[in-house]
């Protein structure tokens, strides 16, 4: 009897799972269960000897809109990160803007008003967090 009940529940479970569309575009965020982690995608910039490079400024350009989304990251609270050679390019604060899409961001780093770094990143987001799809997060500046 127990085996029959288990088989019935297992069958119902398998049928219910097969009816779902798990693609990102169809994901219902109202029922998503997310972690409380706040995700930030960052780039590390060092010289050939491994010493952190502090850029004078940087931009993260959304190639679709042309908007510099790094304006959110250029405040005083990020000064310590810059001194350590870490530059945030995207965070969960931007999640809704990039949800269920794949976009290209261009990171541009400047020293003495000269562009010294240009890197492209493919990013996206689901209902909970932003994610890096492709791109070099450890840059060595010669």
N, C-alpha and C. Protein backbone atom coordinates (compact mmCIF):
# COMPACT_ATOMS: atom_id res chain seq x y z
N UNK A 1 0.82 -1.20 0.00
CA UNK A 1 0.00 0.00 0.00
C UNK A 1 0.87 1.27 0.00
N UNK A 2 1.90 1.26 0.87
CA UNK A 2 2.81 2.41 0.95
C UNK A 2 3.48 2.67 -0.40
N UNK A 3 3.86 1.60 -1.09
CA UNK A 3 4.52 1.72 -2.39
C UNK A 3 3.58 2.36 -3.41
N UNK A 4 2.29 2.02 -3.38
CA UNK A 4 1.32 2.60 -4.31
C UNK A 4 1.14 4.09 -4.06
N UNK A 5 1.05 4.47 -2.78
CA UNK A 5 0.88 5.89 -2.44
C UNK A 5 2.11 6.68 -2.86
N UNK A 6 3.29 6.12 -2.61
CA UNK A 6 4.54 6.78 -3.00
C UNK A 6 4.59 6.93 -4.52
N UNK A 7 4.19 5.89 -5.24
CA UNK A 7 4.19 5.93 -6.71
C UNK A 7 3.23 7.00 -7.22
N UNK A 8 2.07 7.14 -6.62
CA UNK A 8 1.08 8.14 -7.03
C UNK A 8 1.65 9.55 -6.81
N UNK A 9 2.22 9.81 -5.63
CA UNK A 9 2.79 11.13 -5.36
C UNK A 9 3.97 11.43 -6.28
N UNK A 10 4.80 10.44 -6.53
CA UNK A 10 5.94 10.62 -7.43
C UNK A 10 5.45 10.93 -8.84
N UNK A 11 4.42 10.25 -9.30
CA UNK A 11 3.86 10.51 -10.64
C UNK A 11 3.30 11.92 -10.74
N UNK A 12 2.57 12.35 -9.72
CA UNK A 12 2.01 13.70 -9.73
C UNK A 12 3.13 14.73 -9.76
N UNK A 13 4.17 14.50 -8.96
CA UNK A 13 5.32 15.41 -8.92
C UNK A 13 5.99 15.51 -10.28
N UNK A 14 6.23 14.37 -10.93
CA UNK A 14 6.89 14.37 -12.25
C UNK A 14 6.04 15.06 -13.30
N UNK A 15 4.76 14.85 -13.28
CA UNK A 15 3.87 15.50 -14.25
C UNK A 15 3.87 17.01 -14.02
N UNK A 16 3.79 17.43 -12.76
CA UNK A 16 3.80 18.86 -12.45
C UNK A 16 5.10 19.50 -12.88
N UNK A 17 6.21 18.81 -12.70
CA UNK A 17 7.51 19.36 -13.10
C UNK A 17 7.63 19.48 -14.60
N UNK A 18 7.06 18.54 -15.33
CA UNK A 18 7.15 18.57 -16.79
C UNK A 18 6.30 19.67 -17.40
N UNK A 19 5.28 20.14 -16.69
CA UNK A 19 4.42 21.19 -17.22
C UNK A 19 5.01 22.58 -17.07
N UNK A 20 6.06 22.72 -16.31
CA UNK A 20 6.64 24.04 -16.06
C UNK A 20 7.57 24.45 -17.19
N UNK A 21 7.59 25.74 -17.48
CA UNK A 21 8.54 26.33 -18.42
C UNK A 21 9.57 27.08 -17.59
N UNK A 22 10.79 26.53 -17.51
CA UNK A 22 11.82 27.10 -16.65
C UNK A 22 12.68 28.14 -17.35
N UNK A 23 12.30 28.58 -18.53
CA UNK A 23 13.12 29.58 -19.21
C UNK A 23 13.08 30.90 -18.46
N UNK A 24 14.14 31.67 -18.59
CA UNK A 24 14.26 32.93 -17.87
C UNK A 24 13.12 33.87 -18.22
N UNK A 25 12.73 33.90 -19.48
CA UNK A 25 11.69 34.84 -19.89
C UNK A 25 10.36 34.54 -19.21
N UNK A 26 10.11 33.28 -18.86
CA UNK A 26 8.83 32.89 -18.30
C UNK A 26 8.84 32.86 -16.77
N UNK A 27 9.94 33.16 -16.16
CA UNK A 27 10.07 33.06 -14.72
C UNK A 27 9.14 34.05 -14.02
N UNK A 28 8.38 33.56 -13.04
CA UNK A 28 7.48 34.40 -12.28
C UNK A 28 8.19 34.88 -11.02
N UNK A 29 8.58 36.13 -11.00
CA UNK A 29 9.36 36.66 -9.87
C UNK A 29 8.54 36.81 -8.61
N UNK A 30 7.23 36.80 -8.72
CA UNK A 30 6.39 36.94 -7.52
C UNK A 30 6.54 35.72 -6.62
N UNK A 31 6.90 34.58 -7.18
CA UNK A 31 7.04 33.37 -6.37
C UNK A 31 8.49 32.94 -6.20
N UNK A 32 9.43 33.74 -6.69
CA UNK A 32 10.84 33.38 -6.59
C UNK A 32 11.31 33.46 -5.14
N UNK A 33 12.17 32.53 -4.78
CA UNK A 33 12.78 32.53 -3.46
C UNK A 33 14.23 32.92 -3.64
N UNK A 34 14.62 34.06 -3.08
CA UNK A 34 15.95 34.62 -3.29
C UNK A 34 16.76 34.59 -2.00
N UNK A 35 18.07 34.53 -2.16
CA UNK A 35 18.94 34.66 -1.00
C UNK A 35 18.99 36.13 -0.61
N UNK A 36 19.48 36.40 0.58
CA UNK A 36 19.60 37.78 1.05
C UNK A 36 20.94 38.39 0.67
N UNK A 37 21.77 37.65 -0.07
CA UNK A 37 23.05 38.19 -0.52
C UNK A 37 22.81 39.35 -1.48
N UNK A 38 23.68 40.36 -1.40
CA UNK A 38 23.65 41.46 -2.35
C UNK A 38 24.85 41.26 -3.28
N UNK A 39 24.58 40.94 -4.53
CA UNK A 39 25.63 40.60 -5.49
C UNK A 39 26.14 41.85 -6.19
N UNK A 40 27.46 41.98 -6.23
CA UNK A 40 28.12 43.03 -6.98
C UNK A 40 29.19 42.39 -7.85
N UNK A 41 29.15 42.67 -9.14
CA UNK A 41 30.17 42.19 -10.07
C UNK A 41 31.24 43.25 -10.14
N UNK A 42 32.48 42.86 -9.86
CA UNK A 42 33.59 43.81 -9.83
C UNK A 42 34.72 43.37 -10.74
N UNK A 43 35.55 44.34 -11.08
CA UNK A 43 36.75 44.11 -11.88
C UNK A 43 37.96 44.43 -11.00
N UNK A 44 38.96 43.58 -11.04
CA UNK A 44 40.21 43.81 -10.32
C UNK A 44 41.27 44.24 -11.33
N UNK A 45 41.94 45.36 -11.03
CA UNK A 45 42.98 45.86 -11.95
C UNK A 45 44.30 45.95 -11.20
N UNK A 46 45.31 45.26 -11.76
CA UNK A 46 46.64 45.24 -11.16
C UNK A 46 47.68 45.44 -12.25
N UNK A 47 48.90 45.79 -11.81
CA UNK A 47 50.00 45.85 -12.77
C UNK A 47 50.64 44.46 -12.87
N UNK A 48 51.68 44.32 -13.69
CA UNK A 48 52.30 43.01 -13.93
C UNK A 48 52.89 42.40 -12.66
N UNK A 49 53.26 43.23 -11.68
CA UNK A 49 53.83 42.72 -10.44
C UNK A 49 52.75 42.36 -9.40
N UNK A 50 51.49 42.60 -9.73
CA UNK A 50 50.39 42.28 -8.82
C UNK A 50 49.95 43.42 -7.94
N UNK A 51 50.51 44.61 -8.14
CA UNK A 51 50.14 45.78 -7.34
C UNK A 51 48.84 46.36 -7.88
N UNK A 52 47.94 46.72 -6.97
CA UNK A 52 46.65 47.29 -7.36
C UNK A 52 46.84 48.61 -8.09
N UNK A 53 46.03 48.82 -9.12
CA UNK A 53 46.03 50.07 -9.89
C UNK A 53 44.82 50.90 -9.48
N UNK A 54 45.08 52.12 -9.06
CA UNK A 54 44.01 53.05 -8.73
C UNK A 54 43.77 53.95 -9.93
N UNK A 55 42.64 53.78 -10.56
CA UNK A 55 42.28 54.63 -11.69
C UNK A 55 41.81 55.99 -11.18
N UNK A 56 42.01 57.01 -11.98
CA UNK A 56 41.49 58.33 -11.63
C UNK A 56 39.96 58.35 -11.76
N UNK A 57 39.46 57.64 -12.75
CA UNK A 57 38.01 57.52 -12.94
C UNK A 57 37.73 56.33 -13.84
N UNK A 58 36.48 55.94 -13.86
CA UNK A 58 36.08 54.88 -14.78
C UNK A 58 34.61 55.03 -15.14
N UNK A 59 34.25 54.36 -16.23
CA UNK A 59 32.88 54.37 -16.71
C UNK A 59 32.46 52.94 -17.00
N UNK A 60 31.20 52.67 -16.84
CA UNK A 60 30.61 51.42 -17.29
C UNK A 60 29.44 51.81 -18.18
N UNK A 61 29.64 51.65 -19.47
CA UNK A 61 28.66 52.10 -20.45
C UNK A 61 27.76 50.95 -20.87
N UNK A 62 26.47 51.14 -20.73
CA UNK A 62 25.49 50.20 -21.25
C UNK A 62 25.44 50.45 -22.75
N UNK A 63 25.89 49.50 -23.55
CA UNK A 63 26.00 49.73 -24.99
C UNK A 63 24.63 49.90 -25.66
N UNK A 64 23.58 49.41 -25.03
CA UNK A 64 22.24 49.57 -25.59
C UNK A 64 21.73 51.00 -25.44
N UNK A 65 21.95 51.59 -24.26
CA UNK A 65 21.40 52.91 -23.97
C UNK A 65 22.44 54.03 -24.04
N UNK A 66 23.73 53.67 -23.95
CA UNK A 66 24.79 54.67 -23.91
C UNK A 66 24.97 55.31 -22.55
N UNK A 67 24.20 54.86 -21.56
CA UNK A 67 24.24 55.44 -20.21
C UNK A 67 25.43 54.89 -19.43
N UNK A 68 26.07 55.79 -18.67
CA UNK A 68 27.15 55.40 -17.77
C UNK A 68 26.53 54.95 -16.45
N UNK A 69 26.48 53.64 -16.20
CA UNK A 69 25.86 53.15 -14.97
C UNK A 69 26.84 53.14 -13.81
N UNK A 70 28.10 53.51 -14.03
CA UNK A 70 29.08 53.57 -12.94
C UNK A 70 28.93 54.84 -12.11
N UNK A 71 28.07 55.75 -12.52
CA UNK A 71 27.85 56.96 -11.72
C UNK A 71 27.43 56.59 -10.30
N UNK A 72 26.72 55.47 -10.15
CA UNK A 72 26.30 55.01 -8.83
C UNK A 72 27.48 54.55 -7.98
N UNK A 73 28.59 54.21 -8.61
CA UNK A 73 29.74 53.64 -7.91
C UNK A 73 30.88 54.63 -7.70
N UNK A 74 30.72 55.87 -8.03
CA UNK A 74 31.82 56.82 -7.93
C UNK A 74 31.75 57.70 -6.69
N UNK A 75 30.98 57.30 -5.69
CA UNK A 75 30.88 58.07 -4.46
C UNK A 75 32.04 57.79 -3.52
N UNK A 76 32.07 58.53 -2.44
CA UNK A 76 33.13 58.39 -1.44
C UNK A 76 33.20 56.99 -0.85
N UNK A 77 32.05 56.32 -0.74
CA UNK A 77 32.05 54.99 -0.14
C UNK A 77 32.83 53.96 -0.97
N UNK A 78 33.11 54.26 -2.21
CA UNK A 78 33.86 53.33 -3.06
C UNK A 78 35.34 53.70 -3.17
N UNK A 79 35.76 54.74 -2.50
CA UNK A 79 37.16 55.17 -2.57
C UNK A 79 38.11 54.05 -2.12
N UNK A 80 37.77 53.36 -1.03
CA UNK A 80 38.62 52.28 -0.54
C UNK A 80 38.77 51.18 -1.59
N UNK A 81 37.66 50.81 -2.24
CA UNK A 81 37.72 49.77 -3.27
C UNK A 81 38.66 50.18 -4.40
N UNK A 82 38.57 51.43 -4.82
CA UNK A 82 39.43 51.92 -5.89
C UNK A 82 40.90 51.85 -5.50
N UNK A 83 41.20 52.20 -4.26
CA UNK A 83 42.58 52.12 -3.79
C UNK A 83 43.10 50.68 -3.78
N UNK A 84 42.20 49.72 -3.66
CA UNK A 84 42.56 48.31 -3.69
C UNK A 84 42.52 47.73 -5.11
N UNK A 85 42.18 48.57 -6.08
CA UNK A 85 42.12 48.12 -7.47
C UNK A 85 40.85 47.39 -7.84
N UNK A 86 39.78 47.54 -7.06
CA UNK A 86 38.50 46.89 -7.35
C UNK A 86 37.49 47.93 -7.81
N UNK A 87 36.81 47.60 -8.91
CA UNK A 87 35.86 48.53 -9.51
C UNK A 87 34.54 47.80 -9.77
N UNK A 88 33.48 48.15 -9.05
CA UNK A 88 32.18 47.54 -9.30
C UNK A 88 31.64 47.97 -10.66
N UNK A 89 31.11 46.99 -11.39
CA UNK A 89 30.52 47.32 -12.70
C UNK A 89 29.01 47.14 -12.72
N UNK A 90 28.49 46.26 -11.85
CA UNK A 90 27.05 46.01 -11.83
C UNK A 90 26.70 45.39 -10.49
N UNK A 91 25.55 45.78 -9.95
CA UNK A 91 25.12 45.21 -8.67
C UNK A 91 23.63 44.89 -8.72
N UNK A 92 23.17 44.27 -7.65
CA UNK A 92 21.75 43.96 -7.56
C UNK A 92 20.87 45.21 -7.55
N UNK A 93 21.46 46.37 -7.30
CA UNK A 93 20.70 47.62 -7.40
C UNK A 93 20.22 47.84 -8.84
N UNK A 94 20.91 47.23 -9.81
CA UNK A 94 20.55 47.33 -11.22
C UNK A 94 19.76 46.12 -11.72
N UNK A 95 19.41 45.21 -10.83
CA UNK A 95 18.82 43.92 -11.23
C UNK A 95 17.58 44.08 -12.10
N UNK A 96 16.67 44.92 -11.71
CA UNK A 96 15.41 45.04 -12.46
C UNK A 96 15.67 45.52 -13.88
N UNK A 97 16.60 46.42 -14.05
CA UNK A 97 16.93 46.95 -15.37
C UNK A 97 17.44 45.86 -16.31
N UNK A 98 18.14 44.85 -15.77
CA UNK A 98 18.76 43.81 -16.59
C UNK A 98 18.07 42.45 -16.46
N UNK A 99 16.93 42.42 -15.77
CA UNK A 99 16.23 41.17 -15.53
C UNK A 99 15.73 40.54 -16.82
N UNK A 100 16.00 39.26 -16.95
CA UNK A 100 15.55 38.44 -18.08
C UNK A 100 16.09 38.91 -19.43
N UNK A 101 17.23 39.60 -19.40
CA UNK A 101 17.88 40.03 -20.64
C UNK A 101 19.37 39.72 -20.56
N UNK A 102 20.02 39.83 -21.67
CA UNK A 102 21.47 39.76 -21.74
C UNK A 102 21.93 41.04 -22.42
N UNK A 103 22.79 41.79 -21.74
CA UNK A 103 23.25 43.07 -22.26
C UNK A 103 24.76 43.14 -22.24
N UNK A 104 25.31 44.04 -23.02
CA UNK A 104 26.75 44.25 -23.06
C UNK A 104 27.08 45.57 -22.37
N UNK A 105 28.04 45.51 -21.45
CA UNK A 105 28.55 46.69 -20.77
C UNK A 105 30.01 46.86 -21.17
N UNK A 106 30.44 48.11 -21.35
CA UNK A 106 31.84 48.40 -21.67
C UNK A 106 32.46 49.16 -20.50
N UNK A 107 33.51 48.57 -19.92
CA UNK A 107 34.26 49.19 -18.83
C UNK A 107 35.39 50.00 -19.45
N UNK A 108 35.48 51.28 -19.04
CA UNK A 108 36.56 52.14 -19.51
C UNK A 108 37.25 52.73 -18.29
N UNK A 109 38.58 52.55 -18.21
CA UNK A 109 39.35 53.09 -17.09
C UNK A 109 40.26 54.21 -17.56
N UNK A 110 40.38 55.25 -16.72
CA UNK A 110 41.15 56.43 -17.09
C UNK A 110 42.20 56.77 -16.03
N UNK A 111 43.39 57.12 -16.50
CA UNK A 111 44.45 57.67 -15.65
C UNK A 111 44.92 58.94 -16.33
N UNK A 112 44.91 60.04 -15.59
CA UNK A 112 45.29 61.36 -16.12
C UNK A 112 44.51 61.67 -17.40
N UNK A 113 43.21 61.43 -17.37
CA UNK A 113 42.27 61.70 -18.46
C UNK A 113 42.55 60.87 -19.72
N UNK A 114 43.45 59.89 -19.63
CA UNK A 114 43.74 59.02 -20.77
C UNK A 114 43.09 57.67 -20.54
N UNK A 115 42.38 57.17 -21.55
CA UNK A 115 41.75 55.87 -21.45
C UNK A 115 42.83 54.79 -21.53
N UNK A 116 42.96 54.00 -20.46
CA UNK A 116 44.01 52.97 -20.40
C UNK A 116 43.45 51.55 -20.45
N UNK A 117 42.14 51.42 -20.26
CA UNK A 117 41.50 50.10 -20.27
C UNK A 117 40.15 50.20 -20.95
N UNK A 118 39.86 49.22 -21.81
CA UNK A 118 38.53 49.06 -22.38
C UNK A 118 38.24 47.56 -22.41
N UNK A 119 37.20 47.15 -21.72
CA UNK A 119 36.81 45.74 -21.66
C UNK A 119 35.30 45.64 -21.80
N UNK A 120 34.84 44.60 -22.51
CA UNK A 120 33.41 44.36 -22.66
C UNK A 120 32.97 43.21 -21.76
N UNK A 121 31.76 43.33 -21.23
CA UNK A 121 31.18 42.33 -20.35
C UNK A 121 29.76 42.04 -20.79
N UNK A 122 29.40 40.78 -20.82
CA UNK A 122 28.03 40.39 -21.09
C UNK A 122 27.41 40.04 -19.73
N UNK A 123 26.31 40.69 -19.41
CA UNK A 123 25.68 40.54 -18.10
C UNK A 123 24.19 40.27 -18.25
N UNK A 124 23.59 39.83 -17.18
CA UNK A 124 22.15 39.62 -17.15
C UNK A 124 21.69 39.58 -15.71
N UNK A 125 20.44 39.27 -15.52
CA UNK A 125 19.89 39.13 -14.17
C UNK A 125 18.66 38.24 -14.22
N UNK A 126 18.44 37.57 -13.11
CA UNK A 126 17.21 36.81 -12.96
C UNK A 126 16.32 37.55 -11.96
N UNK A 127 15.42 36.87 -11.34
CA UNK A 127 14.52 37.53 -10.38
C UNK A 127 15.22 37.95 -9.11
N UNK A 128 16.40 37.42 -8.87
CA UNK A 128 17.06 37.66 -7.59
C UNK A 128 18.36 38.44 -7.68
N UNK A 129 19.21 38.10 -8.66
CA UNK A 129 20.55 38.66 -8.68
C UNK A 129 21.06 38.92 -10.10
N UNK A 130 22.01 39.85 -10.18
CA UNK A 130 22.71 40.08 -11.44
C UNK A 130 23.74 38.97 -11.62
N UNK A 131 24.18 38.76 -12.87
CA UNK A 131 25.19 37.73 -13.12
C UNK A 131 26.08 38.14 -14.27
N UNK A 132 27.32 37.69 -14.19
CA UNK A 132 28.29 37.90 -15.26
C UNK A 132 28.23 36.69 -16.17
N UNK A 133 28.02 36.92 -17.45
CA UNK A 133 27.96 35.83 -18.42
C UNK A 133 29.33 35.63 -19.04
N UNK A 134 29.93 36.72 -19.53
CA UNK A 134 31.29 36.65 -20.05
C UNK A 134 32.00 37.96 -19.72
N UNK A 135 33.31 37.87 -19.63
CA UNK A 135 34.14 39.06 -19.40
C UNK A 135 35.25 38.77 -18.43
N UNK A 136 36.35 39.48 -18.61
CA UNK A 136 37.56 39.32 -17.81
C UNK A 136 37.46 40.17 -16.55
N UNK A 137 37.40 39.54 -15.38
CA UNK A 137 37.27 40.30 -14.13
C UNK A 137 38.62 40.55 -13.46
N UNK A 138 39.69 40.01 -14.03
CA UNK A 138 41.04 40.27 -13.50
C UNK A 138 41.90 40.82 -14.63
N UNK A 139 42.10 42.13 -14.61
CA UNK A 139 42.82 42.81 -15.69
C UNK A 139 44.23 43.16 -15.21
N UNK A 140 45.20 42.83 -16.06
CA UNK A 140 46.59 43.19 -15.76
C UNK A 140 46.96 44.33 -16.72
N UNK A 141 47.28 45.48 -16.13
CA UNK A 141 47.63 46.65 -16.92
C UNK A 141 49.15 46.70 -17.04
N UNK A 142 49.65 46.66 -18.26
CA UNK A 142 51.10 46.68 -18.50
C UNK A 142 51.66 48.05 -18.37
